Amino acid sequence: MKIIRTSDIKNLDISPAECVRWVRESFSVKKRAQLPPKNSIHPQGDDFFNTMPCLLPEEYHRFGVKEVHRIAGAVPALGSDFLLYDSSDGELLAFIDADWITAMRTGAVATLAAQTFRSSKASVYSFIGLGNTARATLLCLLDSEPDIMHKVLLKKYKDQADLFIERFSGFDNVTFEVLDDVGDMIRESDVVISCITAADGIVCDDISCFRPGVLVIPVHTRGFQNCDTVFDKVYADDTAHVCGFRYFSQFRQFAELSDVLSGDAVGRADDNERILSYNIGLGLHDLIFADKIYDMLKDRIPDLSLDRQTEKFWI
């Protein structure tokens, strides 16, 4: 068994554009993977432990399970671990610190959703919540579209916007503007990407702020339920993860992102449709990332023996 740390993954220097390609691959095998809905347990308040198992198609011979948690007051608040198995013999291949995987696959999925559902004229993006998920999303977007200029709107809050802008100082395909009001940001945006992990209510009550053609991507599903019943189309990465939403039965039109990518469902039909894309996060993405990373590192990291029994034993 290997122990794969975040530092090991960072040293691979995996490009954000490659992360988008991995996510696209994961959606291409979704119908053939075994992917039960995540199990969520809440110890207190908005804190959670989510367990996310997945079995890839036979040619991969990989099973994996991720545990991800968010605990208010912890540093960092969000953490995750991954167990990777060879599904052909049950061998535990690796224990992986999955914080990097979680952030980058989340950002890559949000980027793929933006590229799939945005209007043909989209150029202005607003980011609400400027933590690692937002950074990962913009990294994936800019790195996978180096020849496209992106304008990004940020909400002024303490020094967060300044730090966010500083992080992307090396990119020449993005400009930033800092605004004081969320409503003003949304009015000017073609794509609204929300990366807040907790919300007490609706982010923007005035539905008229969402102009024709807007795409809203609530990465952690919070704060945009007032859009559920009035937007033209709603998409998600998995039906089972959203069918319990309060307004699911009132979605005007619904399909999965994987079906749009495969051509089995219709995506955006015109530049006036207002679209909502819920990307809850799938163990499928984590497993594809873990499989790729394991193959890149398996000959570089020494084995850790668990001294398991190799014969049947009696208690």
C-alpha atoms as a PDB file:
ATOM      1  CA  MET A   1       0.000   0.000   0.000  1.00  0.00           C
ATOM      2  CA  LYS A   2       1.148   3.512  -0.778  1.00  0.00           C
ATOM      3  CA  ILE A   3       0.564   6.618   1.297  1.00  0.00           C
ATOM      4  CA  ILE A   4       0.174   9.549  -1.077  1.00  0.00           C
ATOM      5  CA  ARG A   5       0.441  12.996   0.472  1.00  0.00           C
ATOM      6  CA  THR A   6      -0.625  16.352  -0.920  1.00  0.00           C
ATOM      7  CA  SER A   7       3.035  17.276  -1.377  1.00  0.00           C
ATOM      8  CA  ASP A   8       3.526  14.184  -3.566  1.00  0.00           C
ATOM      9  CA  ILE A   9       0.607  15.246  -5.768  1.00  0.00           C
ATOM     10  CA  LYS A  10       1.743  18.856  -6.015  1.00  0.00           C
ATOM     11  CA  ASN A  11       5.204  17.743  -7.101  1.00  0.00           C
ATOM     12  CA  LEU A  12       3.618  16.084 -10.153  1.00  0.00           C
ATOM     13  CA  ASP A  13       2.750  19.567 -11.438  1.00  0.00           C
ATOM     14  CA  ILE A  14      -0.529  18.432 -12.969  1.00  0.00           C
ATOM     15  CA  SER A  15      -1.959  21.241 -15.077  1.00  0.00           C
ATOM     16  CA  PRO A  16      -5.469  22.586 -14.427  1.00  0.00           C
ATOM     17  CA  ALA A  17      -6.250  21.938 -18.103  1.00  0.00           C
ATOM     18  CA  GLU A  18      -5.379  18.273 -17.549  1.00  0.00           C
ATOM     19  CA  CYS A  19      -7.822  18.225 -14.624  1.00  0.00           C
ATOM     20  CA  VAL A  20     -10.590  19.375 -16.973  1.00  0.00           C
ATOM     21  CA  ARG A  21      -9.698  16.553 -19.367  1.00  0.00           C
ATOM     22  CA  TRP A  22      -9.841  14.021 -16.513  1.00  0.00           C
ATOM     23  CA  VAL A  23     -13.276  15.272 -15.481  1.00  0.00           C
ATOM     24  CA  ARG A  24     -14.513  14.978 -19.056  1.00  0.00           C
ATOM     25  CA  GLU A  25     -13.225  11.385 -19.117  1.00  0.00           C
ATOM     26  CA  SER A  26     -15.055  10.617 -15.873  1.00  0.00           C
ATOM     27  CA  PHE A  27     -18.360  11.825 -17.325  1.00  0.00           C
ATOM     28  CA  SER A  28     -17.772   9.680 -20.431  1.00  0.00           C
ATOM     29  CA  VAL A  29     -17.787   6.484 -18.308  1.00  0.00           C
ATOM     30  CA  LYS A  30     -20.502   7.536 -15.850  1.00  0.00           C
ATOM     31  CA  LYS A  31     -23.205   5.283 -17.282  1.00  0.00           C
ATOM     32  CA  ARG A  32     -20.971   2.228 -16.897  1.00  0.00           C
ATOM     33  CA  ALA A  33     -19.723   3.019 -13.390  1.00  0.00           C
ATOM     34  CA  GLN A  34     -21.424   1.977 -10.169  1.00  0.00           C
ATOM     35  CA  LEU A  35     -22.091   5.246  -8.380  1.00  0.00           C
ATOM     36  CA  PRO A  36     -24.468   5.234  -5.410  1.00  0.00           C
ATOM     37  CA  PRO A  37     -25.488   8.619  -3.981  1.00  0.00           C
ATOM     38  CA  LYS A  38     -23.168   9.969  -1.326  1.00  0.00           C
ATOM     39  CA  ASN A  39     -24.090   9.317   2.283  1.00  0.00           C
ATOM     40  CA  SER A  40     -24.154  12.458   4.407  1.00  0.00           C
ATOM     41  CA  ILE A  41     -24.023  12.584   8.203  1.00  0.00           C
ATOM     42  CA  HIS A  42     -24.323  15.858  10.137  1.00  0.00           C
ATOM     43  CA  PRO A  43     -22.782  15.934  13.632  1.00  0.00           C
ATOM     44  CA  GLN A  44     -23.887  19.521  14.347  1.00  0.00           C
ATOM     45  CA  GLY A  45     -25.179  22.562  12.467  1.00  0.00           C
ATOM     46  CA  ASP A  46     -23.939  22.718   8.869  1.00  0.00           C
ATOM     47  CA  ASP A  47     -21.009  20.374   9.607  1.00  0.00           C
ATOM     48  CA  PHE A  48     -20.959  17.117   7.667  1.00  0.00           C
ATOM     49  CA  PHE A  49     -19.178  13.871   6.895  1.00  0.00           C
ATOM     50  CA  ASN A  50     -19.865  12.621   3.357  1.00  0.00           C
ATOM     51  CA  THR A  51     -18.946   9.100   2.221  1.00  0.00           C
ATOM     52  CA  MET A  52     -18.590   8.701  -1.546  1.00  0.00           C
ATOM     53  CA  PRO A  53     -17.978   5.204  -3.022  1.00  0.00           C
ATOM     54  CA  CYS A  54     -17.543   4.394  -6.711  1.00  0.00           C
ATOM     55  CA  LEU A  55     -16.624   1.412  -8.896  1.00  0.00           C
ATOM     56  CA  LEU A  56     -15.172   2.232 -12.310  1.00  0.00           C
ATOM     57  CA  PRO A  57     -15.921   0.131 -15.421  1.00  0.00           C
ATOM     58  CA  GLU A  58     -14.159  -3.228 -15.632  1.00  0.00           C
ATOM     59  CA  GLU A  59     -11.256  -2.063 -17.790  1.00  0.00           C
ATOM     60  CA  TYR A  60     -10.052   0.226 -14.981  1.00  0.00           C
ATOM     61  CA  HIS A  61     -10.280  -2.461 -12.243  1.00  0.00           C
ATOM     62  CA  ARG A  62     -10.530   0.274  -9.616  1.00  0.00           C
ATOM     63  CA  PHE A  63     -12.816   0.863  -6.634  1.00  0.00           C
ATOM     64  CA  GLY A  64     -12.518   3.855  -4.357  1.00  0.00           C
ATOM     65  CA  VAL A  65     -14.207   5.615  -1.493  1.00  0.00           C
ATOM     66  CA  LYS A  66     -13.714   9.186  -0.343  1.00  0.00           C
ATOM     67  CA  GLU A  67     -14.602  10.631   3.018  1.00  0.00           C
ATOM     68  CA  VAL A  68     -14.988  14.405   2.938  1.00  0.00           C
ATOM     69  CA  HIS A  69     -15.901  16.557   5.914  1.00  0.00           C
ATOM     70  CA  ARG A  70     -16.542  20.154   6.753  1.00  0.00           C
ATOM     71  CA  ILE A  71     -16.236  21.190  10.389  1.00  0.00           C
ATOM     72  CA  ALA A  72     -16.732  24.834  11.349  1.00  0.00           C
ATOM     73  CA  GLY A  73     -13.694  26.176  13.175  1.00  0.00           C
ATOM     74  CA  ALA A  74     -11.322  23.501  11.911  1.00  0.00           C
ATOM     75  CA  VAL A  75      -8.271  24.592   9.909  1.00  0.00           C
ATOM     76  CA  PRO A  76      -8.851  23.946   7.121  1.00  0.00           C
ATOM     77  CA  ALA A  77     -12.614  23.649   7.520  1.00  0.00           C
ATOM     78  CA  LEU A  78     -12.843  21.219   4.596  1.00  0.00           C
ATOM     79  CA  GLY A  79     -10.846  17.989   4.554  1.00  0.00           C
ATOM     80  CA  SER A  80     -10.930  14.683   2.696  1.00  0.00           C
ATOM     81  CA  ASP A  81      -9.268  11.258   2.539  1.00  0.00           C
ATOM     82  CA  PHE A  82      -9.392   8.600  -0.172  1.00  0.00           C
ATOM     83  CA  LEU A  83      -8.964   4.808  -0.206  1.00  0.00           C
ATOM     84  CA  LEU A  84      -8.060   3.291  -3.595  1.00  0.00           C
ATOM     85  CA  TYR A  85      -8.527  -0.442  -4.268  1.00  0.00           C
ATOM     86  CA  ASP A  86      -7.791  -2.895  -7.067  1.00  0.00           C
ATOM     87  CA  SER A  87     -11.317  -4.177  -7.711  1.00  0.00           C
ATOM     88  CA  SER A  88     -10.038  -7.404  -9.303  1.00  0.00           C
ATOM     89  CA  ASP A  89      -8.506  -8.757  -6.091  1.00  0.00           C
ATOM     90  CA  GLY A  90      -9.570  -6.331  -3.343  1.00  0.00           C
ATOM     91  CA  GLU A  91      -6.035  -5.100  -2.628  1.00  0.00           C
ATOM     92  CA  LEU A  92      -5.806  -1.716  -0.931  1.00  0.00           C
ATOM     93  CA  LEU A  93      -3.493   0.203  -3.234  1.00  0.00           C
ATOM     94  CA  ALA A  94      -3.267   3.586  -1.580  1.00  0.00           C
ATOM     95  CA  PHE A  95      -4.379   5.903   1.180  1.00  0.00           C
ATOM     96  CA  ILE A  96      -4.466   9.373  -0.351  1.00  0.00           C
ATOM     97  CA  ASP A  97      -4.726  12.807   1.190  1.00  0.00           C
ATOM     98  CA  ALA A  98      -7.536  13.988  -1.081  1.00  0.00           C
ATOM     99  CA  ASP A  99      -7.636  17.723  -0.337  1.00  0.00           C
ATOM    100  CA  TRP A 100      -5.896  18.635  -3.613  1.00  0.00           C
ATOM    101  CA  ILE A 101      -8.058  16.166  -5.550  1.00  0.00           C
ATOM    102  CA  THR A 102     -11.258  17.538  -4.025  1.00  0.00           C
ATOM    103  CA  ALA A 103     -10.407  21.137  -4.825  1.00  0.00           C
ATOM    104  CA  MET A 104      -9.148  20.557  -8.350  1.00  0.00           C
ATOM    105  CA  ARG A 105     -11.819  18.122  -9.508  1.00  0.00           C
ATOM    106  CA  THR A 106     -14.472  20.498  -8.129  1.00  0.00           C
ATOM    107  CA  GLY A 107     -12.959  23.410 -10.011  1.00  0.00           C
ATOM    108  CA  ALA A 108     -12.609  21.304 -13.152  1.00  0.00           C
ATOM    109  CA  VAL A 109     -16.278  20.238 -13.051  1.00  0.00           C
ATOM    110  CA  ALA A 110     -17.402  23.844 -12.578  1.00  0.00           C
ATOM    111  CA  THR A 111     -15.216  24.853 -15.523  1.00  0.00           C
ATOM    112  CA  LEU A 112     -16.595  22.076 -17.727  1.00  0.00           C
ATOM    113  CA  ALA A 113     -20.145  23.119 -16.791  1.00  0.00           C
ATOM    114  CA  ALA A 114     -19.331  26.737 -17.684  1.00  0.00           C
ATOM    115  CA  GLN A 115     -17.845  25.723 -21.022  1.00  0.00           C
ATOM    116  CA  THR A 116     -20.849  23.509 -21.776  1.00  0.00           C
ATOM    117  CA  PHE A 117     -23.745  25.761 -20.755  1.00  0.00           C
ATOM    118  CA  ARG A 118     -22.587  29.396 -21.032  1.00  0.00           C
ATOM    119  CA  SER A 119     -23.946  31.578 -23.816  1.00  0.00           C
ATOM    120  CA  SER A 120     -21.926  31.992 -26.980  1.00  0.00           C
ATOM    121  CA  LYS A 121     -21.194  35.611 -26.023  1.00  0.00           C
ATOM    122  CA  ALA A 122     -20.175  34.960 -22.403  1.00  0.00           C
ATOM    123  CA  SER A 123     -17.103  36.844 -21.227  1.00  0.00           C
ATOM    124  CA  VAL A 124     -17.969  38.211 -17.765  1.00  0.00           C
ATOM    125  CA  TYR A 125     -17.771  35.908 -14.745  1.00  0.00           C
ATOM    126  CA  SER A 126     -18.598  36.689 -11.136  1.00  0.00           C
ATOM    127  CA  PHE A 127     -17.153  34.678  -8.258  1.00  0.00           C
ATOM    128  CA  ILE A 128     -18.914  34.591  -4.891  1.00  0.00           C
ATOM    129  CA  GLY A 129     -16.780  32.985  -2.194  1.00  0.00           C
ATOM    130  CA  LEU A 130     -13.045  33.232  -2.844  1.00  0.00           C
ATOM    131  CA  GLY A 131     -11.552  30.172  -1.186  1.00  0.00           C
ATOM    132  CA  ASN A 132      -9.691  27.238  -2.737  1.00  0.00           C
ATOM    133  CA  THR A 133     -12.692  26.074  -4.749  1.00  0.00           C
ATOM    134  CA  ALA A 134     -12.942  29.452  -6.483  1.00  0.00           C
ATOM    135  CA  ARG A 135      -9.193  29.495  -7.092  1.00  0.00           C
ATOM    136  CA  ALA A 136      -9.292  25.983  -8.548  1.00  0.00           C
ATOM    137  CA  THR A 137     -12.213  26.884 -10.798  1.00  0.00           C
ATOM    138  CA  LEU A 138     -10.569  29.986 -12.221  1.00  0.00           C
ATOM    139  CA  LEU A 139      -7.258  28.149 -12.628  1.00  0.00           C
ATOM    140  CA  CYS A 140      -9.010  25.464 -14.679  1.00  0.00           C
ATOM    141  CA  LEU A 141     -10.920  28.028 -16.720  1.00  0.00           C
ATOM    142  CA  LEU A 142      -7.905  30.199 -17.555  1.00  0.00           C
ATOM    143  CA  ASP A 143      -5.502  27.319 -18.175  1.00  0.00           C
ATOM    144  CA  SER A 144      -7.902  25.463 -20.481  1.00  0.00           C
ATOM    145  CA  GLU A 145      -8.756  28.636 -22.433  1.00  0.00           C
ATOM    146  CA  PRO A 146      -5.438  30.503 -22.753  1.00  0.00           C
ATOM    147  CA  ASP A 147      -6.485  32.410 -25.868  1.00  0.00           C
ATOM    148  CA  ILE A 148      -9.773  33.739 -24.447  1.00  0.00           C
ATOM    149  CA  MET A 149      -9.960  36.924 -22.373  1.00  0.00           C
ATOM    150  CA  HIS A 150     -12.060  36.605 -19.207  1.00  0.00           C
ATOM    151  CA  LYS A 151     -13.415  39.451 -17.118  1.00  0.00           C
ATOM    152  CA  VAL A 152     -13.955  38.447 -13.478  1.00  0.00           C
ATOM    153  CA  LEU A 153     -16.058  40.356 -10.952  1.00  0.00           C
ATOM    154  CA  LEU A 154     -15.352  39.954  -7.245  1.00  0.00           C
ATOM    155  CA  LYS A 155     -17.192  41.156  -4.146  1.00  0.00           C
ATOM    156  CA  LYS A 156     -15.225  43.450  -1.883  1.00  0.00           C
ATOM    157  CA  TYR A 157     -14.744  41.795   1.521  1.00  0.00           C
ATOM    158  CA  LYS A 158     -11.769  42.528   3.792  1.00  0.00           C
ATOM    159  CA  ASP A 159      -8.641  41.643   1.772  1.00  0.00           C
ATOM    160  CA  GLN A 160     -10.026  38.528   0.090  1.00  0.00           C
ATOM    161  CA  ALA A 161     -10.487  40.083  -3.335  1.00  0.00           C
ATOM    162  CA  ASP A 162      -6.975  41.545  -3.265  1.00  0.00           C
ATOM    163  CA  LEU A 163      -5.452  38.172  -2.356  1.00  0.00           C
ATOM    164  CA  PHE A 164      -7.495  36.472  -5.072  1.00  0.00           C
ATOM    165  CA  ILE A 165      -6.304  38.941  -7.707  1.00  0.00           C
ATOM    166  CA  GLU A 166      -2.707  38.564  -6.542  1.00  0.00           C
ATOM    167  CA  ARG A 167      -2.942  34.788  -7.023  1.00  0.00           C
ATOM    168  CA  PHE A 168      -3.699  35.275 -10.722  1.00  0.00           C
ATOM    169  CA  SER A 169      -1.200  38.040 -11.396  1.00  0.00           C
ATOM    170  CA  GLY A 170       0.740  35.743 -13.716  1.00  0.00           C
ATOM    171  CA  PHE A 171      -2.165  35.244 -16.131  1.00  0.00           C
ATOM    172  CA  ASP A 172      -2.584  37.587 -19.085  1.00  0.00           C
ATOM    173  CA  ASN A 173      -6.041  36.312 -20.121  1.00  0.00           C
ATOM    174  CA  VAL A 174      -8.021  37.746 -17.189  1.00  0.00           C
ATOM    175  CA  THR A 175      -8.984  41.167 -15.827  1.00  0.00           C
ATOM    176  CA  PHE A 176     -10.625  41.878 -12.481  1.00  0.00           C
ATOM    177  CA  GLU A 177     -13.139  44.345 -11.102  1.00  0.00           C
ATOM    178  CA  VAL A 178     -14.131  44.567  -7.435  1.00  0.00           C
ATOM    179  CA  LEU A 179     -17.724  45.559  -6.607  1.00  0.00           C
ATOM    180  CA  ASP A 180     -19.480  46.268  -3.314  1.00  0.00           C
ATOM    181  CA  ASP A 181     -22.861  44.677  -4.052  1.00  0.00           C
ATOM    182  CA  VAL A 182     -23.719  41.096  -5.050  1.00  0.00           C
ATOM    183  CA  GLY A 183     -26.760  42.259  -7.001  1.00  0.00           C
ATOM    184  CA  ASP A 184     -24.597  44.553  -9.122  1.00  0.00           C
ATOM    185  CA  MET A 185     -22.188  41.687  -9.783  1.00  0.00           C
ATOM    186  CA  ILE A 186     -24.961  39.371 -10.938  1.00  0.00           C
ATOM    187  CA  ARG A 187     -26.547  42.022 -13.177  1.00  0.00           C
ATOM    188  CA  GLU A 188     -23.282  42.403 -15.085  1.00  0.00           C
ATOM    189  CA  SER A 189     -22.422  38.695 -15.293  1.00  0.00           C
ATOM    190  CA  ASP A 190     -22.784  36.123 -18.034  1.00  0.00           C
ATOM    191  CA  VAL A 191     -21.703  33.354 -15.660  1.00  0.00           C
ATOM    192  CA  VAL A 192     -22.223  33.417 -11.876  1.00  0.00           C
ATOM    193  CA  ILE A 193     -20.025  30.948  -9.973  1.00  0.00           C
ATOM    194  CA  SER A 194     -20.765  30.625  -6.261  1.00  0.00           C
ATOM    195  CA  CYS A 195     -18.232  28.772  -4.123  1.00  0.00           C
ATOM    196  CA  ILE A 196     -19.676  29.524  -0.700  1.00  0.00           C
ATOM    197  CA  THR A 197     -19.905  26.421   1.506  1.00  0.00           C
ATOM    198  CA  ALA A 198     -22.591  27.763   3.833  1.00  0.00           C
ATOM    199  CA  ALA A 199     -25.462  30.214   3.308  1.00  0.00           C
ATOM    200  CA  ASP A 200     -28.192  31.295   5.686  1.00  0.00           C
ATOM    201  CA  GLY A 201     -30.546  32.292   2.883  1.00  0.00           C
ATOM    202  CA  ILE A 202     -30.827  33.399  -0.715  1.00  0.00           C
ATOM    203  CA  VAL A 203     -27.765  35.133  -2.162  1.00  0.00           C
ATOM    204  CA  CYS A 204     -29.802  37.517  -4.347  1.00  0.00           C
ATOM    205  CA  ASP A 205     -33.547  37.858  -3.745  1.00  0.00           C
ATOM    206  CA  ASP A 206     -34.195  39.986  -6.829  1.00  0.00           C
ATOM    207  CA  ILE A 207     -34.628  37.465  -9.637  1.00  0.00           C
ATOM    208  CA  SER A 208     -34.556  40.293 -12.183  1.00  0.00           C
ATOM    209  CA  CYS A 209     -30.823  40.675 -11.485  1.00  0.00           C
ATOM    210  CA  PHE A 210     -30.266  37.466 -13.460  1.00  0.00           C
ATOM    211  CA  ARG A 211     -30.265  38.690 -17.031  1.00  0.00           C
ATOM    212  CA  PRO A 212     -31.296  36.626 -20.085  1.00  0.00           C
ATOM    213  CA  GLY A 213     -28.637  34.105 -21.050  1.00  0.00           C
ATOM    214  CA  VAL A 214     -27.038  33.919 -17.605  1.00  0.00           C
ATOM    215  CA  LEU A 215     -25.539  30.677 -16.327  1.00  0.00           C
ATOM    216  CA  VAL A 216     -25.498  30.148 -12.555  1.00  0.00           C
ATOM    217  CA  ILE A 217     -23.205  27.491 -11.064  1.00  0.00           C
ATOM    218  CA  PRO A 218     -23.750  27.081  -7.296  1.00  0.00           C
ATOM    219  CA  VAL A 219     -20.781  24.794  -6.666  1.00  0.00           C
ATOM    220  CA  HIS A 220     -21.973  23.832  -3.183  1.00  0.00           C
ATOM    221  CA  THR A 221     -25.713  24.181  -4.056  1.00  0.00           C
ATOM    222  CA  ARG A 222     -26.273  26.998  -1.560  1.00  0.00           C
ATOM    223  CA  GLY A 223     -28.192  30.223  -1.934  1.00  0.00           C
ATOM    224  CA  PHE A 224     -29.895  30.082  -5.339  1.00  0.00           C
ATOM    225  CA  GLN A 225     -33.085  28.104  -4.730  1.00  0.00           C
ATOM    226  CA  ASN A 226     -35.142  31.079  -5.941  1.00  0.00           C
ATOM    227  CA  CYS A 227     -33.803  30.301  -9.424  1.00  0.00           C
ATOM    228  CA  ASP A 228     -34.975  26.664  -9.391  1.00  0.00           C
ATOM    229  CA  THR A 229     -38.503  27.211 -10.661  1.00  0.00           C
ATOM    230  CA  VAL A 230     -38.001  30.251 -12.898  1.00  0.00           C
ATOM    231  CA  PHE A 231     -34.858  29.404 -14.885  1.00  0.00           C
ATOM    232  CA  ASP A 232     -35.408  27.764 -18.262  1.00  0.00           C
ATOM    233  CA  LYS A 233     -33.207  24.737 -17.644  1.00  0.00           C
ATOM    234  CA  VAL A 234     -31.516  22.987 -14.743  1.00  0.00           C
ATOM    235  CA  TYR A 235     -28.642  20.532 -15.081  1.00  0.00           C
ATOM    236  CA  ALA A 236     -26.763  18.398 -12.554  1.00  0.00           C
ATOM    237  CA  ASP A 237     -23.907  15.933 -12.523  1.00  0.00           C
ATOM    238  CA  ASP A 238     -26.181  13.214 -11.101  1.00  0.00           C
ATOM    239  CA  THR A 239     -29.969  12.934 -10.771  1.00  0.00           C
ATOM    240  CA  ALA A 240     -29.849  10.986  -7.520  1.00  0.00           C
ATOM    241  CA  HIS A 241     -28.006  13.833  -5.834  1.00  0.00           C
ATOM    242  CA  VAL A 242     -30.640  16.458  -6.647  1.00  0.00           C
ATOM    243  CA  CYS A 243     -33.948  14.567  -6.836  1.00  0.00           C
ATOM    244  CA  GLY A 244     -34.490  15.321  -3.144  1.00  0.00           C
ATOM    245  CA  PHE A 245     -34.236  19.074  -3.677  1.00  0.00           C
ATOM    246  CA  ARG A 246     -37.340  20.934  -2.550  1.00  0.00           C
ATOM    247  CA  TYR A 247     -38.185  22.238  -6.028  1.00  0.00           C
ATOM    248  CA  PHE A 248     -36.917  19.328  -8.133  1.00  0.00           C
ATOM    249  CA  SER A 249     -40.401  18.451  -9.388  1.00  0.00           C
ATOM    250  CA  GLN A 250     -40.858  22.065 -10.487  1.00  0.00           C
ATOM    251  CA  PHE A 251     -37.735  22.306 -12.662  1.00  0.00           C
ATOM    252  CA  ARG A 252     -38.901  23.432 -16.104  1.00  0.00           C
ATOM    253  CA  GLN A 253     -36.419  21.173 -17.885  1.00  0.00           C
ATOM    254  CA  PHE A 254     -33.787  18.893 -16.387  1.00  0.00           C
ATOM    255  CA  ALA A 255     -30.939  16.700 -17.640  1.00  0.00           C
ATOM    256  CA  GLU A 256     -27.558  15.417 -16.529  1.00  0.00           C
ATOM    257  CA  LEU A 257     -24.324  17.016 -17.688  1.00  0.00           C
ATOM    258  CA  SER A 258     -22.988  13.650 -18.863  1.00  0.00           C
ATOM    259  CA  ASP A 259     -25.970  13.213 -21.201  1.00  0.00           C
ATOM    260  CA  VAL A 260     -25.395  16.645 -22.703  1.00  0.00           C
ATOM    261  CA  LEU A 261     -21.708  15.853 -23.256  1.00  0.00           C
ATOM    262  CA  SER A 262     -22.590  12.550 -24.956  1.00  0.00           C
ATOM    263  CA  GLY A 263     -25.286  14.131 -27.124  1.00  0.00           C
ATOM    264  CA  ASP A 264     -28.113  12.196 -25.474  1.00  0.00           C
ATOM    265  CA  ALA A 265     -29.674  15.370 -24.036  1.00  0.00           C
ATOM    266  CA  VAL A 266     -30.013  18.931 -25.278  1.00  0.00           C
ATOM    267  CA  GLY A 267     -27.904  21.645 -23.687  1.00  0.00           C
ATOM    268  CA  ARG A 268     -28.275  25.373 -24.226  1.00  0.00           C
ATOM    269  CA  ALA A 269     -30.593  26.056 -27.180  1.00  0.00           C
ATOM    270  CA  ASP A 270     -30.121  29.829 -27.462  1.00  0.00           C
ATOM    271  CA  ASP A 271     -28.352  32.763 -25.851  1.00  0.00           C
ATOM    272  CA  ASN A 272     -31.439  33.926 -23.945  1.00  0.00           C
ATOM    273  CA  GLU A 273     -31.987  30.831 -21.812  1.00  0.00           C
ATOM    274  CA  ARG A 274     -31.243  31.212 -18.130  1.00  0.00           C
ATOM    275  CA  ILE A 275     -29.551  28.038 -16.941  1.00  0.00           C
ATOM    276  CA  LEU A 276     -28.735  26.617 -13.507  1.00  0.00           C
ATOM    277  CA  SER A 277     -26.032  23.952 -13.168  1.00  0.00           C
ATOM    278  CA  TYR A 278     -25.860  22.006  -9.905  1.00  0.00           C
ATOM    279  CA  ASN A 279     -22.575  20.111  -9.658  1.00  0.00           C
ATOM    280  CA  ILE A 280     -22.798  18.287  -6.356  1.00  0.00           C
ATOM    281  CA  GLY A 281     -19.500  16.453  -6.750  1.00  0.00           C
ATOM    282  CA  LEU A 282     -19.159  12.762  -7.536  1.00  0.00           C
ATOM    283  CA  GLY A 283     -16.938  10.041  -6.138  1.00  0.00           C
ATOM    284  CA  LEU A 284     -16.508   9.150  -9.808  1.00  0.00           C
ATOM    285  CA  HIS A 285     -14.373  12.254 -10.366  1.00  0.00           C
ATOM    286  CA  ASP A 286     -12.314  11.582  -7.253  1.00  0.00           C
ATOM    287  CA  LEU A 287     -11.699   7.986  -8.326  1.00  0.00           C
ATOM    288  CA  ILE A 288     -10.552   8.929 -11.827  1.00  0.00           C
ATOM    289  CA  PHE A 289      -8.155  11.486 -10.321  1.00  0.00           C
ATOM    290  CA  ALA A 290      -6.915   9.001  -7.704  1.00  0.00           C
ATOM    291  CA  ASP A 291      -6.355   6.332 -10.368  1.00  0.00           C
ATOM    292  CA  LYS A 292      -4.357   8.706 -12.591  1.00  0.00           C
ATOM    293  CA  ILE A 293      -2.290  10.015  -9.690  1.00  0.00           C
ATOM    294  CA  TYR A 294      -1.600   6.519  -8.333  1.00  0.00           C
ATOM    295  CA  ASP A 295      -0.304   5.384 -11.725  1.00  0.00           C
ATOM    296  CA  MET A 296       1.986   8.427 -11.863  1.00  0.00           C
ATOM    297  CA  LEU A 297       3.375   7.838  -8.365  1.00  0.00           C
ATOM    298  CA  LYS A 298       3.312   4.075  -7.771  1.00  0.00           C
ATOM    299  CA  ASP A 299       6.953   3.578  -8.783  1.00  0.00           C
ATOM    300  CA  ARG A 300       8.188   6.610  -6.828  1.00  0.00           C
ATOM    301  CA  ILE A 301       6.725   5.918  -3.379  1.00  0.00           C
ATOM    302  CA  PRO A 302       7.753   2.983  -1.170  1.00  0.00           C
ATOM    303  CA  ASP A 303       5.212   0.420  -0.050  1.00  0.00           C
ATOM    304  CA  LEU A 304       3.859   0.360   3.478  1.00  0.00           C
ATOM    305  CA  SER A 305       3.138  -3.185   4.602  1.00  0.00           C
ATOM    306  CA  LEU A 306      -0.029  -3.820   6.610  1.00  0.00           C
ATOM    307  CA  ASP A 307       1.090  -7.384   7.445  1.00  0.00           C
ATOM    308  CA  ARG A 308      -2.308  -8.726   6.451  1.00  0.00           C
ATOM    309  CA  GLN A 309      -3.268 -12.380   6.801  1.00  0.00           C
ATOM    310  CA  THR A 310      -2.771 -14.257   3.518  1.00  0.00           C
ATOM    311  CA  GLU A 311      -4.714 -17.346   4.601  1.00  0.00           C
ATOM    312  CA  LYS A 312      -8.089 -17.905   6.199  1.00  0.00           C
ATOM    313  CA  PHE A 313      -7.906 -17.349   9.920  1.00  0.00           C
ATOM    314  CA  TRP A 314     -10.110 -18.236  12.914  1.00  0.00           C
ATOM    315  CA  ILE A 315     -10.926 -16.042  15.874  1.00  0.00           C
END
